[in-house]
Amino acid sequence: MLGKYELRSSTDYIYKVTSVDDYTYHIEKKSKTDGEPENYKGFISEIEGVKFFNIYEDKDDAEMKYYFYKLDAPPGTSLFTMLPVTENIDETFTSSEELKKFFKANMNLSFFYAKDEESYIKTGN
């Protein structure tokens, strides 16, 4: 997952993924036109063999808002695909175990995901 990426459908942004520690990634999203970066942190979790990329904005003043993506990243390839989990989840969770239980119960349902799957291709280190 480490390296520089572009969306397969657009070259407007460069995504640079670096390691923070053994479990956490830093993701910098930078526009090719204005150059102002957006910074995120994320980690990968696995539920019954399905990988999810859990991402949140890396800002001191930001309320912690997570974005969840089903991740398909075949080993040894320069391409990965992310399918967003729907934004229509109204439930609140007080622990990661509650969230995992909810995902486990719903992750095989088609309406659990948004329709805008995106593929990213590696363009450098």
Protein backbone atom coordinates (compact mmCIF):
# COMPACT_ATOMS: atom_id res chain seq x y z
CA MET A 1 0.00 0.00 0.00
CA LEU A 2 2.94 2.38 0.44
CA GLY A 3 3.69 4.70 -2.47
CA LYS A 4 2.12 7.28 -4.78
CA TYR A 5 -1.22 6.61 -6.47
CA GLU A 6 -3.71 8.15 -8.88
CA LEU A 7 -7.32 7.31 -9.45
CA ARG A 8 -7.69 5.20 -12.54
CA SER A 9 -10.65 7.38 -13.62
CA SER A 10 -8.94 10.76 -13.04
CA THR A 11 -5.48 12.25 -12.72
CA ASP A 12 -6.55 15.37 -10.80
CA TYR A 13 -5.03 14.22 -7.50
CA ILE A 14 -1.94 12.43 -6.28
CA TYR A 15 -2.31 10.21 -3.21
CA LYS A 16 0.83 9.52 -1.22
CA VAL A 17 0.60 6.68 1.31
CA THR A 18 3.29 6.44 3.97
CA SER A 19 3.65 4.48 7.18
CA VAL A 20 3.09 6.08 10.59
CA ASP A 21 3.69 2.86 12.51
CA ASP A 22 3.11 -0.88 12.08
CA TYR A 23 -0.67 -0.40 11.81
CA THR A 24 -1.34 3.18 10.73
CA TYR A 25 -1.00 4.87 7.35
CA HIS A 26 -0.71 8.56 6.53
CA ILE A 27 -2.53 9.49 3.31
CA GLU A 28 -1.83 12.82 1.62
CA LYS A 29 -4.29 13.84 -1.11
CA LYS A 30 -2.83 16.62 -3.21
CA SER A 31 -4.42 18.40 -6.14
CA LYS A 32 -2.24 18.71 -9.21
CA THR A 33 -3.59 22.23 -9.85
CA ASP A 34 -3.55 24.07 -6.51
CA GLY A 35 -1.17 21.84 -4.56
CA GLU A 36 -2.99 22.21 -1.22
CA PRO A 37 -2.83 18.84 0.54
CA GLU A 38 -5.54 17.12 2.55
CA ASN A 39 -4.19 14.77 5.20
CA TYR A 40 -5.74 11.58 6.48
CA LYS A 41 -4.77 8.66 8.65
CA GLY A 42 -6.06 5.15 8.31
CA PHE A 43 -5.69 1.53 9.18
CA ILE A 44 -6.84 -1.77 7.74
CA SER A 45 -9.13 -4.08 9.67
CA GLU A 46 -10.35 -7.51 8.66
CA ILE A 47 -13.73 -9.09 9.35
CA GLU A 48 -14.19 -12.71 8.28
CA GLY A 49 -11.56 -12.38 5.56
CA VAL A 50 -12.90 -9.08 4.18
CA LYS A 51 -10.54 -6.12 4.48
CA PHE A 52 -11.78 -2.62 5.30
CA PHE A 53 -9.75 0.58 5.08
CA ASN A 54 -10.78 2.86 7.97
CA ILE A 55 -9.82 6.48 7.19
CA TYR A 56 -10.19 9.73 9.12
CA GLU A 57 -9.05 13.34 8.60
CA ASP A 58 -5.75 14.15 10.26
CA LYS A 59 -6.63 17.53 11.79
CA ASP A 60 -6.24 18.70 15.37
CA ASP A 61 -9.54 20.59 15.33
CA ALA A 62 -11.58 18.04 13.39
CA GLU A 63 -14.28 15.97 14.99
CA MET A 64 -13.31 12.37 14.41
CA LYS A 65 -15.27 11.26 11.36
CA TYR A 66 -14.45 7.90 9.85
CA TYR A 67 -14.82 6.78 6.25
CA PHE A 68 -14.99 3.04 5.65
CA TYR A 69 -14.06 1.29 2.41
CA LYS A 70 -14.12 -2.35 1.45
CA LEU A 71 -10.58 -2.91 0.20
CA ASP A 72 -9.42 -5.20 -2.56
CA ALA A 73 -5.62 -5.05 -2.75
CA PRO A 74 -4.20 -8.19 -4.36
CA PRO A 75 -0.60 -8.81 -3.24
CA GLY A 76 2.06 -8.09 -5.83
CA THR A 77 -0.07 -5.75 -7.95
CA SER A 78 0.13 -1.99 -8.43
CA LEU A 79 -3.64 -1.58 -8.30
CA PHE A 80 -6.16 -1.57 -5.48
CA THR A 81 -9.90 -0.96 -5.38
CA MET A 82 -11.98 0.70 -2.67
CA LEU A 83 -15.76 0.42 -2.37
CA PRO A 84 -17.23 2.94 0.10
CA VAL A 85 -19.56 1.79 2.85
CA THR A 86 -22.83 3.71 2.57
CA GLU A 87 -23.19 7.03 4.39
CA ASN A 88 -26.76 6.06 5.33
CA ILE A 89 -25.82 4.37 8.61
CA ASP A 90 -27.69 6.07 11.45
CA GLU A 91 -26.49 3.79 14.25
CA THR A 92 -23.95 5.01 16.75
CA PHE A 93 -21.33 2.77 18.30
CA THR A 94 -19.61 3.03 21.66
CA SER A 95 -16.89 0.49 20.92
CA SER A 96 -15.03 -1.01 18.01
CA GLU A 97 -16.54 -4.39 18.91
CA GLU A 98 -20.06 -3.00 18.36
CA LEU A 99 -18.98 -1.57 15.01
CA LYS A 100 -17.39 -4.88 13.94
CA LYS A 101 -20.54 -6.76 14.91
CA PHE A 102 -22.63 -4.37 12.81
CA PHE A 103 -20.28 -4.76 9.83
CA LYS A 104 -20.28 -8.53 10.18
CA ALA A 105 -24.09 -8.60 10.13
CA ASN A 106 -24.39 -6.30 7.09
CA MET A 107 -21.23 -6.52 4.97
CA ASN A 108 -22.69 -9.09 2.58
CA LEU A 109 -25.71 -6.93 1.71
CA SER A 110 -25.46 -4.92 -1.50
CA PHE A 111 -27.07 -1.79 -0.01
CA PHE A 112 -24.33 -1.68 2.64
CA TYR A 113 -22.05 -0.12 0.00
CA ALA A 114 -22.24 2.98 -2.16
CA LYS A 115 -22.08 2.52 -5.94
CA ASP A 116 -18.94 4.57 -6.62
CA GLU A 117 -16.14 2.00 -6.48
CA GLU A 118 -12.76 3.53 -7.27
CA SER A 119 -9.54 1.91 -8.47
CA TYR A 120 -6.13 3.39 -7.68
CA ILE A 121 -2.98 2.66 -9.64
CA LYS A 122 0.52 3.02 -8.24
CA THR A 123 2.60 5.66 -9.99
CA GLY A 124 5.70 5.75 -7.80
CA ASN A 125 7.27 5.19 -4.40
